[in-house]
Amino acid sequence: MKLFLTSSCVSENLREPFLKFLGKEPKNIKLYFIPTASDVEDEKFYTCKSMDDFSAIGINPIWYSLKFKSKEQIAKELADADVIWINGGNTFYLLDVARKTDFMETVDDLVRNKGVMYGGTSAGSILASPTIEAAGWGGDGADKNTVELTDLTSFGFVPFTTHVHYEPEIEKADLLSHKTVTPFYAIPDGCAVEVNNGNITTHGDVEIL
């Protein structure tokens, strides 16, 4: 499996490692951009910025909202993807919609068995973890579980809990209070975790707790 997990999409300092990760010319990449997590967010700035990040490196992202999609549509329409990139917003809402549309099942198969690359910004990066519980951490910046999910099980593409927008001087003690046997990869903005067939590489000041 190949994954590229970020807090703030492909910022300028991440362009080189991301292009190397892709292994293809940007103009030949078919990247489906999933903005669904921001459906319930008033602020859309970061969704637009993520689209701009891809345009800046020569990728023309395909906007693909999950709302009102059927399982059959998703399976058919994403079949030719090189990259599925899930953007940020409310992680609880995202997981709820992803389950209801069977997006989870389709993407799990594409990433595990069909060689499709997975990328994430914020909520999308958390979704790659075994659970999304970390979305509720971080004080005022935490996602609100407005859909009242009780089962927080997610893709489990990685053997760690992803925490995004990490500010160590503010959040480290809180993160450590949630510590279990599963390690945390705490990703500040402008940083990333790359997973390439089991090999994990960090870019920037990612902290492993």
C-alpha atoms as a PDB file:
ATOM      1  CA  MET A   1       0.000   0.000   0.000  1.00  0.00           C
ATOM      2  CA  LYS A   2       1.077   3.559  -0.682  1.00  0.00           C
ATOM      3  CA  LEU A   3      -0.176   6.424   1.476  1.00  0.00           C
ATOM      4  CA  PHE A   4       0.727  10.088   1.867  1.00  0.00           C
ATOM      5  CA  LEU A   5      -0.772  11.598   5.018  1.00  0.00           C
ATOM      6  CA  THR A   6      -0.645  15.327   5.769  1.00  0.00           C
ATOM      7  CA  SER A   7      -2.165  17.973   8.011  1.00  0.00           C
ATOM      8  CA  SER A   8      -2.283  20.711   5.392  1.00  0.00           C
ATOM      9  CA  CYS A   9      -2.128  19.050   1.962  1.00  0.00           C
ATOM     10  CA  VAL A  10       0.924  19.305  -0.301  1.00  0.00           C
ATOM     11  CA  SER A  11       2.518  22.545   0.810  1.00  0.00           C
ATOM     12  CA  GLU A  12       5.542  23.840  -1.108  1.00  0.00           C
ATOM     13  CA  ASN A  13       8.088  22.012   1.048  1.00  0.00           C
ATOM     14  CA  LEU A  14       6.296  18.680   0.418  1.00  0.00           C
ATOM     15  CA  ARG A  15       6.110  18.944  -3.365  1.00  0.00           C
ATOM     16  CA  GLU A  16       9.368  17.134  -4.089  1.00  0.00           C
ATOM     17  CA  PRO A  17       8.720  14.100  -1.838  1.00  0.00           C
ATOM     18  CA  PHE A  18       5.115  13.906  -3.017  1.00  0.00           C
ATOM     19  CA  LEU A  19       6.091  13.872  -6.697  1.00  0.00           C
ATOM     20  CA  LYS A  20       8.677  11.183  -5.962  1.00  0.00           C
ATOM     21  CA  PHE A  21       6.000   9.221  -4.088  1.00  0.00           C
ATOM     22  CA  LEU A  22       3.686   9.355  -7.124  1.00  0.00           C
ATOM     23  CA  GLY A  23       6.267   7.873  -9.454  1.00  0.00           C
ATOM     24  CA  LYS A  24       4.490   9.257 -12.529  1.00  0.00           C
ATOM     25  CA  GLU A  25       4.363  12.537 -14.369  1.00  0.00           C
ATOM     26  CA  PRO A  26       1.779  14.805 -12.687  1.00  0.00           C
ATOM     27  CA  LYS A  27      -0.049  15.357 -15.975  1.00  0.00           C
ATOM     28  CA  ASN A  28      -0.669  11.601 -16.143  1.00  0.00           C
ATOM     29  CA  ILE A  29      -2.071  11.303 -12.615  1.00  0.00           C
ATOM     30  CA  LYS A  30      -5.808  10.828 -12.155  1.00  0.00           C
ATOM     31  CA  LEU A  31      -6.446  12.115  -8.637  1.00  0.00           C
ATOM     32  CA  TYR A  32      -9.963  12.039  -7.202  1.00  0.00           C
ATOM     33  CA  PHE A  33     -10.342  14.777  -4.604  1.00  0.00           C
ATOM     34  CA  ILE A  34     -12.917  13.984  -1.887  1.00  0.00           C
ATOM     35  CA  PRO A  35     -14.108  17.229  -0.174  1.00  0.00           C
ATOM     36  CA  THR A  36     -16.934  15.561   1.782  1.00  0.00           C
ATOM     37  CA  ALA A  37     -15.555  16.259   5.280  1.00  0.00           C
ATOM     38  CA  SER A  38     -15.978  19.988   4.643  1.00  0.00           C
ATOM     39  CA  ASP A  39     -19.699  19.691   3.785  1.00  0.00           C
ATOM     40  CA  VAL A  40     -20.543  20.741   7.343  1.00  0.00           C
ATOM     41  CA  GLU A  41     -17.810  23.373   7.671  1.00  0.00           C
ATOM     42  CA  ASP A  42     -18.519  27.074   7.148  1.00  0.00           C
ATOM     43  CA  GLU A  43     -14.914  27.825   6.228  1.00  0.00           C
ATOM     44  CA  LYS A  44     -13.914  26.408   2.827  1.00  0.00           C
ATOM     45  CA  PHE A  45     -10.530  28.145   2.523  1.00  0.00           C
ATOM     46  CA  TYR A  46      -8.461  25.031   3.165  1.00  0.00           C
ATOM     47  CA  THR A  47     -10.472  22.969   0.701  1.00  0.00           C
ATOM     48  CA  CYS A  48      -9.708  25.521  -2.009  1.00  0.00           C
ATOM     49  CA  LYS A  49      -6.048  25.685  -0.928  1.00  0.00           C
ATOM     50  CA  SER A  50      -5.697  21.927  -1.291  1.00  0.00           C
ATOM     51  CA  MET A  51      -7.020  22.087  -4.837  1.00  0.00           C
ATOM     52  CA  ASP A  52      -4.520  24.870  -5.538  1.00  0.00           C
ATOM     53  CA  ASP A  53      -1.682  22.749  -4.104  1.00  0.00           C
ATOM     54  CA  PHE A  54      -2.336  20.049  -6.688  1.00  0.00           C
ATOM     55  CA  SER A  55      -2.684  22.522  -9.539  1.00  0.00           C
ATOM     56  CA  ALA A  56       0.681  24.030  -8.569  1.00  0.00           C
ATOM     57  CA  ILE A  57       2.442  20.716  -9.242  1.00  0.00           C
ATOM     58  CA  GLY A  58       0.644  20.017 -12.487  1.00  0.00           C
ATOM     59  CA  ILE A  59      -2.164  17.735 -11.311  1.00  0.00           C
ATOM     60  CA  ASN A  60      -5.715  18.501 -12.351  1.00  0.00           C
ATOM     61  CA  PRO A  61      -7.722  17.078  -9.409  1.00  0.00           C
ATOM     62  CA  ILE A  62     -11.186  15.654 -10.021  1.00  0.00           C
ATOM     63  CA  TRP A  63     -13.700  17.010  -7.498  1.00  0.00           C
ATOM     64  CA  TYR A  64     -15.677  14.030  -6.189  1.00  0.00           C
ATOM     65  CA  SER A  65     -18.272  14.554  -3.468  1.00  0.00           C
ATOM     66  CA  LEU A  66     -19.688  11.435  -1.802  1.00  0.00           C
ATOM     67  CA  LYS A  67     -23.029  12.936  -0.895  1.00  0.00           C
ATOM     68  CA  PHE A  68     -25.896  11.339  -2.822  1.00  0.00           C
ATOM     69  CA  LYS A  69     -23.564   8.757  -4.420  1.00  0.00           C
ATOM     70  CA  SER A  70     -24.522   5.082  -4.504  1.00  0.00           C
ATOM     71  CA  LYS A  71     -22.167   2.166  -3.882  1.00  0.00           C
ATOM     72  CA  GLU A  72     -22.414   1.210  -7.552  1.00  0.00           C
ATOM     73  CA  GLN A  73     -21.544   4.722  -8.736  1.00  0.00           C
ATOM     74  CA  ILE A  74     -18.534   4.961  -6.454  1.00  0.00           C
ATOM     75  CA  ALA A  75     -17.164   1.560  -7.444  1.00  0.00           C
ATOM     76  CA  LYS A  76     -17.530   2.341 -11.148  1.00  0.00           C
ATOM     77  CA  GLU A  77     -16.347   5.947 -11.097  1.00  0.00           C
ATOM     78  CA  LEU A  78     -13.261   5.451  -8.916  1.00  0.00           C
ATOM     79  CA  ALA A  79     -12.079   2.329 -10.734  1.00  0.00           C
ATOM     80  CA  ASP A  80      -9.589   4.273 -12.882  1.00  0.00           C
ATOM     81  CA  ALA A  81      -8.065   6.297 -10.030  1.00  0.00           C
ATOM     82  CA  ASP A  82      -4.327   6.610  -9.522  1.00  0.00           C
ATOM     83  CA  VAL A  83      -4.817   8.503  -6.251  1.00  0.00           C
ATOM     84  CA  ILE A  84      -7.779   8.920  -3.954  1.00  0.00           C
ATOM     85  CA  TRP A  85      -7.208  12.033  -1.854  1.00  0.00           C
ATOM     86  CA  ILE A  86      -9.547  12.637   1.076  1.00  0.00           C
ATOM     87  CA  ASN A  87      -9.500  16.214   2.273  1.00  0.00           C
ATOM     88  CA  GLY A  88     -10.117  17.807   5.654  1.00  0.00           C
ATOM     89  CA  GLY A  89     -13.130  18.876   7.673  1.00  0.00           C
ATOM     90  CA  ASN A  90     -15.194  17.040  10.266  1.00  0.00           C
ATOM     91  CA  THR A  91     -13.849  13.500  10.617  1.00  0.00           C
ATOM     92  CA  PHE A  92     -16.931  12.079  12.349  1.00  0.00           C
ATOM     93  CA  TYR A  93     -19.217  13.337   9.594  1.00  0.00           C
ATOM     94  CA  LEU A  94     -16.798  12.022   6.966  1.00  0.00           C
ATOM     95  CA  LEU A  95     -16.739   8.522   8.445  1.00  0.00           C
ATOM     96  CA  ASP A  96     -20.524   8.492   8.736  1.00  0.00           C
ATOM     97  CA  VAL A  97     -21.037   9.414   5.060  1.00  0.00           C
ATOM     98  CA  ALA A  98     -18.245   7.086   3.924  1.00  0.00           C
ATOM     99  CA  ARG A  99     -19.979   4.165   5.612  1.00  0.00           C
ATOM    100  CA  LYS A 100     -23.470   5.002   4.399  1.00  0.00           C
ATOM    101  CA  THR A 101     -22.309   5.159   0.772  1.00  0.00           C
ATOM    102  CA  ASP A 102     -20.070   2.061   1.055  1.00  0.00           C
ATOM    103  CA  PHE A 103     -17.150   4.289   0.094  1.00  0.00           C
ATOM    104  CA  MET A 104     -15.153   2.585   2.857  1.00  0.00           C
ATOM    105  CA  GLU A 105     -15.541  -0.844   1.308  1.00  0.00           C
ATOM    106  CA  THR A 106     -14.716   0.332  -2.217  1.00  0.00           C
ATOM    107  CA  VAL A 107     -11.637   2.333  -1.248  1.00  0.00           C
ATOM    108  CA  ASP A 108     -10.360  -0.366   1.091  1.00  0.00           C
ATOM    109  CA  ASP A 109     -10.274  -2.779  -1.848  1.00  0.00           C
ATOM    110  CA  LEU A 110      -8.728  -0.231  -4.239  1.00  0.00           C
ATOM    111  CA  VAL A 111      -5.915   0.660  -1.840  1.00  0.00           C
ATOM    112  CA  ARG A 112      -5.171  -2.801  -0.446  1.00  0.00           C
ATOM    113  CA  ASN A 113      -5.631  -4.860  -3.595  1.00  0.00           C
ATOM    114  CA  LYS A 114      -5.629  -2.669  -6.713  1.00  0.00           C
ATOM    115  CA  GLY A 115      -2.551  -0.474  -6.194  1.00  0.00           C
ATOM    116  CA  VAL A 116      -4.450   2.812  -5.877  1.00  0.00           C
ATOM    117  CA  MET A 117      -2.561   5.382  -3.813  1.00  0.00           C
ATOM    118  CA  TYR A 118      -4.261   6.990  -0.802  1.00  0.00           C
ATOM    119  CA  GLY A 119      -3.672  10.568   0.271  1.00  0.00           C
ATOM    120  CA  GLY A 120      -5.138  12.607   3.059  1.00  0.00           C
ATOM    121  CA  THR A 121      -5.358  16.085   4.467  1.00  0.00           C
ATOM    122  CA  SER A 122      -6.326  16.326   8.146  1.00  0.00           C
ATOM    123  CA  ALA A 123      -9.571  14.291   8.438  1.00  0.00           C
ATOM    124  CA  GLY A 124      -8.503  12.188   5.477  1.00  0.00           C
ATOM    125  CA  SER A 125      -5.240  11.325   7.217  1.00  0.00           C
ATOM    126  CA  ILE A 126      -7.038  10.387  10.429  1.00  0.00           C
ATOM    127  CA  LEU A 127      -9.338   8.106   8.421  1.00  0.00           C
ATOM    128  CA  ALA A 128      -6.330   5.942   7.482  1.00  0.00           C
ATOM    129  CA  SER A 129      -5.842   4.999  11.155  1.00  0.00           C
ATOM    130  CA  PRO A 130      -7.441   2.022  12.927  1.00  0.00           C
ATOM    131  CA  THR A 131      -9.935   4.427  14.549  1.00  0.00           C
ATOM    132  CA  ILE A 132     -10.744   8.141  14.273  1.00  0.00           C
ATOM    133  CA  GLU A 133     -10.732   8.733  18.032  1.00  0.00           C
ATOM    134  CA  ALA A 134      -7.876  11.247  17.700  1.00  0.00           C
ATOM    135  CA  ALA A 135     -10.252  13.581  15.844  1.00  0.00           C
ATOM    136  CA  GLY A 136     -11.889  14.363  19.187  1.00  0.00           C
ATOM    137  CA  TRP A 137      -8.631  15.366  20.852  1.00  0.00           C
ATOM    138  CA  GLY A 138      -6.944  18.744  20.862  1.00  0.00           C
ATOM    139  CA  GLY A 139      -9.181  21.010  22.910  1.00  0.00           C
ATOM    140  CA  ASP A 140     -10.935  23.795  21.016  1.00  0.00           C
ATOM    141  CA  GLY A 141      -9.592  22.524  17.711  1.00  0.00           C
ATOM    142  CA  ALA A 142     -11.115  19.068  18.088  1.00  0.00           C
ATOM    143  CA  ASP A 143     -13.841  17.832  15.755  1.00  0.00           C
ATOM    144  CA  LYS A 144     -17.353  17.673  17.208  1.00  0.00           C
ATOM    145  CA  ASN A 145     -19.139  14.343  16.983  1.00  0.00           C
ATOM    146  CA  THR A 146     -22.391  15.909  15.824  1.00  0.00           C
ATOM    147  CA  VAL A 147     -23.489  12.701  14.074  1.00  0.00           C
ATOM    148  CA  GLU A 148     -23.121  10.843  17.399  1.00  0.00           C
ATOM    149  CA  LEU A 149     -21.012   7.989  16.081  1.00  0.00           C
ATOM    150  CA  THR A 150     -20.213   5.319  18.648  1.00  0.00           C
ATOM    151  CA  ASP A 151     -18.242   2.969  16.398  1.00  0.00           C
ATOM    152  CA  LEU A 152     -15.099   4.887  15.457  1.00  0.00           C
ATOM    153  CA  THR A 153     -13.437   2.050  13.555  1.00  0.00           C
ATOM    154  CA  SER A 154     -11.812   3.244  10.349  1.00  0.00           C
ATOM    155  CA  PHE A 155      -9.675   1.920   7.458  1.00  0.00           C
ATOM    156  CA  GLY A 156      -6.727   0.715   9.528  1.00  0.00           C
ATOM    157  CA  PHE A 157      -4.325   1.174   6.618  1.00  0.00           C
ATOM    158  CA  VAL A 158      -1.589   2.142   9.103  1.00  0.00           C
ATOM    159  CA  PRO A 159      -0.593   0.604  12.456  1.00  0.00           C
ATOM    160  CA  PHE A 160      -0.639   3.941  14.253  1.00  0.00           C
ATOM    161  CA  THR A 161      -2.996   6.700  15.336  1.00  0.00           C
ATOM    162  CA  THR A 162      -2.688   9.818  13.198  1.00  0.00           C
ATOM    163  CA  HIS A 163      -2.966  13.174  14.962  1.00  0.00           C
ATOM    164  CA  VAL A 164      -3.023  16.279  12.762  1.00  0.00           C
ATOM    165  CA  HIS A 165      -2.354  20.021  13.174  1.00  0.00           C
ATOM    166  CA  TYR A 166      -0.010  19.048  15.991  1.00  0.00           C
ATOM    167  CA  GLU A 167       1.314  21.822  18.228  1.00  0.00           C
ATOM    168  CA  PRO A 168       3.629  20.059  20.701  1.00  0.00           C
ATOM    169  CA  GLU A 169       3.848  22.851  23.261  1.00  0.00           C
ATOM    170  CA  ILE A 170       0.054  22.838  23.580  1.00  0.00           C
ATOM    171  CA  GLU A 171      -1.001  19.267  22.866  1.00  0.00           C
ATOM    172  CA  LYS A 172       1.770  16.852  23.788  1.00  0.00           C
ATOM    173  CA  ALA A 173       0.644  16.277  27.375  1.00  0.00           C
ATOM    174  CA  ASP A 174      -2.942  15.703  26.253  1.00  0.00           C
ATOM    175  CA  LEU A 175      -1.847  13.204  23.619  1.00  0.00           C
ATOM    176  CA  LEU A 176       0.267  11.295  26.097  1.00  0.00           C
ATOM    177  CA  SER A 177      -2.746  11.038  28.403  1.00  0.00           C
ATOM    178  CA  HIS A 178      -4.460   8.992  25.661  1.00  0.00           C
ATOM    179  CA  LYS A 179      -1.413   6.747  25.135  1.00  0.00           C
ATOM    180  CA  THR A 180      -2.051   3.070  24.524  1.00  0.00           C
ATOM    181  CA  VAL A 181       0.033   0.361  22.887  1.00  0.00           C
ATOM    182  CA  THR A 182      -0.724   1.959  19.498  1.00  0.00           C
ATOM    183  CA  PRO A 183       1.877   4.650  18.667  1.00  0.00           C
ATOM    184  CA  PHE A 184       0.867   8.188  17.714  1.00  0.00           C
ATOM    185  CA  TYR A 185       2.231   9.940  14.660  1.00  0.00           C
ATOM    186  CA  ALA A 186       1.664  13.617  15.446  1.00  0.00           C
ATOM    187  CA  ILE A 187       1.815  15.663  12.237  1.00  0.00           C
ATOM    188  CA  PRO A 188       2.239  19.458  12.376  1.00  0.00           C
ATOM    189  CA  ASP A 189       1.002  21.559   9.472  1.00  0.00           C
ATOM    190  CA  GLY A 190       3.455  21.444   6.580  1.00  0.00           C
ATOM    191  CA  CYS A 191       4.581  17.914   7.445  1.00  0.00           C
ATOM    192  CA  ALA A 192       3.651  14.433   6.241  1.00  0.00           C
ATOM    193  CA  VAL A 193       3.920  10.701   6.821  1.00  0.00           C
ATOM    194  CA  GLU A 194       4.602   8.547   3.781  1.00  0.00           C
ATOM    195  CA  VAL A 195       3.879   4.819   3.779  1.00  0.00           C
ATOM    196  CA  ASN A 196       5.294   2.789   0.923  1.00  0.00           C
ATOM    197  CA  ASN A 197       4.622  -0.944   1.102  1.00  0.00           C
ATOM    198  CA  GLY A 198       5.204  -1.061   4.851  1.00  0.00           C
ATOM    199  CA  ASN A 199       8.111   1.388   4.942  1.00  0.00           C
ATOM    200  CA  ILE A 200       7.244   4.536   6.879  1.00  0.00           C
ATOM    201  CA  THR A 201       9.012   7.833   6.151  1.00  0.00           C
ATOM    202  CA  THR A 202       8.315  11.144   7.870  1.00  0.00           C
ATOM    203  CA  HIS A 203       8.730  14.544   6.242  1.00  0.00           C
ATOM    204  CA  GLY A 204       9.240  17.513   8.537  1.00  0.00           C
ATOM    205  CA  ASP A 205       8.870  17.610  12.311  1.00  0.00           C
ATOM    206  CA  VAL A 206       6.528  14.642  12.761  1.00  0.00           C
ATOM    207  CA  GLU A 207       6.709  13.370  16.312  1.00  0.00           C
ATOM    208  CA  ILE A 208       6.246   9.698  17.188  1.00  0.00           C
ATOM    209  CA  LEU A 209       4.830   9.242  20.677  1.00  0.00           C
END
